Amino acid sequence: MSNLEDEVINEMSKKLCSEIDFSILTEMLCELGWRKIILSPMTMEDSYAVDEWTKKHVKGHFETMGLVWVFEYEEDANWFALRWL
């Protein structure tokens, strides 16, 4: 294989591992009472707005990957859902 093919395979492998790890993490957190919210696809500008909003308004811990968000506190998840769903 060429170096380019190796790089692509390695990048895709890392991405897949990250997605699997996040999936396992969110499943465990939801079993502990965290709330999961999945957003609809959005523009990059809206994505930045979501990130800024969470920095200002979310009180508890949260995890995110792409359009999937999990929140430690139900109140944070509810406000997030009201604002962004």
N, C-alpha and C. Protein backbone atom coordinates (compact mmCIF):
# COMPACT_ATOMS: atom_id res chain seq x y z
N MET A 1 0.83 -1.19 0.00
CA MET A 1 0.00 0.00 0.00
C MET A 1 0.87 1.25 0.00
N SER A 2 0.30 2.29 -0.53
CA SER A 2 1.03 3.55 -0.55
C SER A 2 0.91 4.25 0.80
N ASN A 3 1.76 5.24 1.01
CA ASN A 3 1.71 6.00 2.25
C ASN A 3 0.36 6.70 2.43
N LEU A 4 -0.19 7.19 1.33
CA LEU A 4 -1.49 7.87 1.39
C LEU A 4 -2.58 6.91 1.84
N GLU A 5 -2.57 5.71 1.29
CA GLU A 5 -3.55 4.70 1.69
C GLU A 5 -3.40 4.36 3.17
N ASP A 6 -2.16 4.21 3.63
CA ASP A 6 -1.91 3.92 5.04
C ASP A 6 -2.43 5.04 5.93
N GLU A 7 -2.18 6.28 5.52
CA GLU A 7 -2.65 7.43 6.30
C GLU A 7 -4.17 7.45 6.39
N VAL A 8 -4.83 7.20 5.26
CA VAL A 8 -6.29 7.20 5.24
C VAL A 8 -6.83 6.08 6.14
N ILE A 9 -6.27 4.91 6.03
CA ILE A 9 -6.70 3.78 6.86
C ILE A 9 -6.48 4.08 8.33
N ASN A 10 -5.34 4.65 8.69
CA ASN A 10 -5.06 4.98 10.08
C ASN A 10 -6.03 6.04 10.61
N GLU A 11 -6.31 7.07 9.80
CA GLU A 11 -7.25 8.12 10.21
C GLU A 11 -8.65 7.55 10.41
N MET A 12 -9.09 6.73 9.50
CA MET A 12 -10.41 6.13 9.60
C MET A 12 -10.49 5.19 10.80
N SER A 13 -9.42 4.48 11.08
CA SER A 13 -9.39 3.60 12.25
C SER A 13 -9.50 4.40 13.54
N LYS A 14 -8.77 5.52 13.63
CA LYS A 14 -8.84 6.37 14.81
C LYS A 14 -10.24 6.94 14.99
N LYS A 15 -10.85 7.38 13.88
CA LYS A 15 -12.19 7.93 13.94
C LYS A 15 -13.19 6.88 14.41
N LEU A 16 -13.10 5.68 13.88
CA LEU A 16 -13.98 4.60 14.28
C LEU A 16 -13.81 4.27 15.76
N CYS A 17 -12.57 4.22 16.22
CA CYS A 17 -12.31 3.95 17.65
C CYS A 17 -12.92 5.03 18.53
N SER A 18 -12.78 6.28 18.12
CA SER A 18 -13.35 7.39 18.89
C SER A 18 -14.87 7.29 18.95
N GLU A 19 -15.48 6.95 17.84
CA GLU A 19 -16.94 6.81 17.80
C GLU A 19 -17.41 5.66 18.68
N ILE A 20 -16.70 4.55 18.65
CA ILE A 20 -17.06 3.41 19.49
C ILE A 20 -16.89 3.77 20.96
N ASP A 21 -15.78 4.41 21.31
CA ASP A 21 -15.54 4.83 22.69
C ASP A 21 -16.64 5.78 23.17
N PHE A 22 -17.03 6.74 22.33
CA PHE A 22 -18.07 7.69 22.69
C PHE A 22 -19.41 6.97 22.88
N SER A 23 -19.70 6.04 22.02
CA SER A 23 -20.94 5.27 22.12
C SER A 23 -21.01 4.50 23.44
N ILE A 24 -19.93 3.87 23.80
CA ILE A 24 -19.87 3.13 25.07
C ILE A 24 -19.99 4.09 26.24
N LEU A 25 -19.28 5.21 26.18
CA LEU A 25 -19.34 6.21 27.25
C LEU A 25 -20.76 6.73 27.44
N THR A 26 -21.42 7.11 26.34
CA THR A 26 -22.77 7.67 26.46
C THR A 26 -23.75 6.63 26.99
N GLU A 27 -23.59 5.39 26.58
CA GLU A 27 -24.46 4.33 27.08
C GLU A 27 -24.30 4.19 28.59
N MET A 28 -23.07 4.18 29.06
CA MET A 28 -22.82 4.07 30.51
C MET A 28 -23.36 5.28 31.26
N LEU A 29 -23.13 6.48 30.73
CA LEU A 29 -23.60 7.68 31.39
C LEU A 29 -25.13 7.72 31.46
N CYS A 30 -25.79 7.31 30.39
CA CYS A 30 -27.26 7.28 30.39
C CYS A 30 -27.79 6.27 31.41
N GLU A 31 -27.08 5.18 31.60
CA GLU A 31 -27.47 4.21 32.64
C GLU A 31 -27.33 4.82 34.04
N LEU A 32 -26.46 5.81 34.18
CA LEU A 32 -26.26 6.49 35.46
C LEU A 32 -27.21 7.68 35.62
N GLY A 33 -28.07 7.92 34.63
CA GLY A 33 -29.05 8.98 34.75
C GLY A 33 -28.82 10.21 33.89
N TRP A 34 -27.76 10.23 33.12
CA TRP A 34 -27.52 11.35 32.23
C TRP A 34 -28.58 11.33 31.12
N ARG A 35 -28.80 12.48 30.48
CA ARG A 35 -29.80 12.62 29.43
C ARG A 35 -29.11 12.79 28.08
N LYS A 36 -29.63 12.07 27.09
CA LYS A 36 -29.05 12.09 25.74
C LYS A 36 -29.97 12.85 24.80
N ILE A 37 -29.38 13.73 24.00
CA ILE A 37 -30.11 14.49 23.00
C ILE A 37 -29.36 14.39 21.68
N ILE A 38 -30.11 14.12 20.62
CA ILE A 38 -29.51 14.05 19.28
C ILE A 38 -30.10 15.18 18.45
N LEU A 39 -29.24 16.06 18.00
CA LEU A 39 -29.66 17.20 17.19
C LEU A 39 -29.81 16.81 15.73
N SER A 40 -30.56 17.61 15.01
CA SER A 40 -30.67 17.47 13.55
C SER A 40 -29.43 18.10 12.91
N PRO A 41 -29.09 17.67 11.70
CA PRO A 41 -27.96 18.31 11.01
C PRO A 41 -28.14 19.83 10.93
N MET A 42 -27.02 20.53 11.02
CA MET A 42 -27.06 21.99 11.02
C MET A 42 -25.86 22.57 10.31
N THR A 43 -25.90 23.86 10.09
CA THR A 43 -24.78 24.55 9.46
C THR A 43 -23.62 24.68 10.45
N MET A 44 -22.46 24.98 9.92
CA MET A 44 -21.29 25.18 10.77
C MET A 44 -21.50 26.37 11.70
N GLU A 45 -22.16 27.42 11.21
CA GLU A 45 -22.44 28.60 12.04
C GLU A 45 -23.33 28.24 13.23
N ASP A 46 -24.36 27.42 12.96
CA ASP A 46 -25.24 26.98 14.05
C ASP A 46 -24.47 26.11 15.04
N SER A 47 -23.57 25.31 14.53
CA SER A 47 -22.75 24.45 15.40
C SER A 47 -21.92 25.28 16.36
N TYR A 48 -21.32 26.37 15.86
CA TYR A 48 -20.55 27.26 16.72
C TYR A 48 -21.46 27.93 17.75
N ALA A 49 -22.66 28.29 17.34
CA ALA A 49 -23.62 28.91 18.26
C ALA A 49 -24.00 27.94 19.38
N VAL A 50 -24.18 26.67 19.05
CA VAL A 50 -24.49 25.66 20.07
C VAL A 50 -23.33 25.56 21.07
N ASP A 51 -22.12 25.50 20.55
CA ASP A 51 -20.95 25.41 21.42
C ASP A 51 -20.86 26.60 22.37
N GLU A 52 -21.07 27.79 21.85
CA GLU A 52 -21.02 28.99 22.68
C GLU A 52 -22.16 29.00 23.71
N TRP A 53 -23.34 28.57 23.29
CA TRP A 53 -24.48 28.54 24.20
C TRP A 53 -24.21 27.59 25.36
N THR A 54 -23.65 26.41 25.07
CA THR A 54 -23.38 25.44 26.14
C THR A 54 -22.34 25.98 27.12
N LYS A 55 -21.34 26.70 26.62
CA LYS A 55 -20.34 27.28 27.52
C LYS A 55 -20.97 28.26 28.51
N LYS A 56 -21.97 29.00 28.06
CA LYS A 56 -22.60 30.01 28.90
C LYS A 56 -23.69 29.47 29.81
N HIS A 57 -24.43 28.45 29.36
CA HIS A 57 -25.66 28.09 30.04
C HIS A 57 -25.67 26.74 30.75
N VAL A 58 -24.82 25.82 30.36
CA VAL A 58 -24.86 24.48 30.96
C VAL A 58 -24.10 24.50 32.28
N LYS A 59 -24.77 24.06 33.34
CA LYS A 59 -24.18 24.09 34.68
C LYS A 59 -23.41 22.82 35.02
N GLY A 60 -23.89 21.69 34.54
CA GLY A 60 -23.23 20.42 34.85
C GLY A 60 -22.28 20.00 33.74
N HIS A 61 -21.80 18.80 33.88
CA HIS A 61 -20.90 18.24 32.87
C HIS A 61 -21.72 17.77 31.67
N PHE A 62 -21.07 17.74 30.53
CA PHE A 62 -21.69 17.19 29.33
C PHE A 62 -20.60 16.63 28.43
N GLU A 63 -21.01 15.75 27.55
CA GLU A 63 -20.12 15.17 26.54
C GLU A 63 -20.82 15.31 25.20
N THR A 64 -20.05 15.47 24.16
CA THR A 64 -20.63 15.58 22.82
C THR A 64 -19.70 15.01 21.77
N MET A 65 -20.33 14.49 20.74
CA MET A 65 -19.61 14.08 19.54
C MET A 65 -20.59 14.26 18.39
N GLY A 66 -20.24 15.16 17.51
CA GLY A 66 -21.12 15.43 16.38
C GLY A 66 -22.45 15.99 16.86
N LEU A 67 -23.52 15.32 16.51
CA LEU A 67 -24.86 15.78 16.86
C LEU A 67 -25.40 15.16 18.14
N VAL A 68 -24.61 14.30 18.77
CA VAL A 68 -25.04 13.61 19.99
C VAL A 68 -24.48 14.33 21.21
N TRP A 69 -25.39 14.65 22.14
CA TRP A 69 -25.02 15.34 23.37
C TRP A 69 -25.58 14.55 24.55
N VAL A 70 -24.81 14.44 25.63
CA VAL A 70 -25.32 13.86 26.87
C VAL A 70 -25.01 14.83 28.01
N PHE A 71 -26.00 15.00 28.88
CA PHE A 71 -25.91 15.98 29.95
C PHE A 71 -26.07 15.30 31.30
N GLU A 72 -25.25 15.75 32.24
CA GLU A 72 -25.31 15.23 33.60
C GLU A 72 -26.63 15.59 34.27
N TYR A 73 -27.06 16.83 34.09
CA TYR A 73 -28.27 17.31 34.76
C TYR A 73 -29.44 17.38 33.79
N GLU A 74 -30.58 16.87 34.25
CA GLU A 74 -31.79 16.89 33.43
C GLU A 74 -32.19 18.31 33.05
N GLU A 75 -32.02 19.24 33.98
CA GLU A 75 -32.37 20.64 33.70
C GLU A 75 -31.55 21.19 32.52
N ASP A 76 -30.26 20.90 32.50
CA ASP A 76 -29.42 21.34 31.38
C ASP A 76 -29.92 20.73 30.07
N ALA A 77 -30.24 19.44 30.10
CA ALA A 77 -30.73 18.76 28.89
C ALA A 77 -32.04 19.37 28.43
N ASN A 78 -32.93 19.69 29.37
CA ASN A 78 -34.22 20.27 29.00
C ASN A 78 -34.05 21.64 28.35
N TRP A 79 -33.23 22.50 28.94
CA TRP A 79 -33.00 23.83 28.36
C TRP A 79 -32.33 23.73 27.00
N PHE A 80 -31.39 22.81 26.89
CA PHE A 80 -30.70 22.58 25.63
C PHE A 80 -31.71 22.15 24.55
N ALA A 81 -32.56 21.21 24.91
CA ALA A 81 -33.57 20.71 23.96
C ALA A 81 -34.53 21.82 23.55
N LEU A 82 -34.96 22.61 24.52
CA LEU A 82 -35.87 23.71 24.20
C LEU A 82 -35.23 24.72 23.24
N ARG A 83 -33.95 24.94 23.41
CA ARG A 83 -33.25 25.93 22.58
C ARG A 83 -32.87 25.39 21.21
N TRP A 84 -32.43 24.13 21.12
CA TRP A 84 -31.79 23.67 19.90
C TRP A 84 -32.55 22.59 19.12
N LEU A 85 -33.60 22.03 19.68
CA LEU A 85 -34.37 21.03 18.91
C LEU A 85 -35.47 21.68 18.11
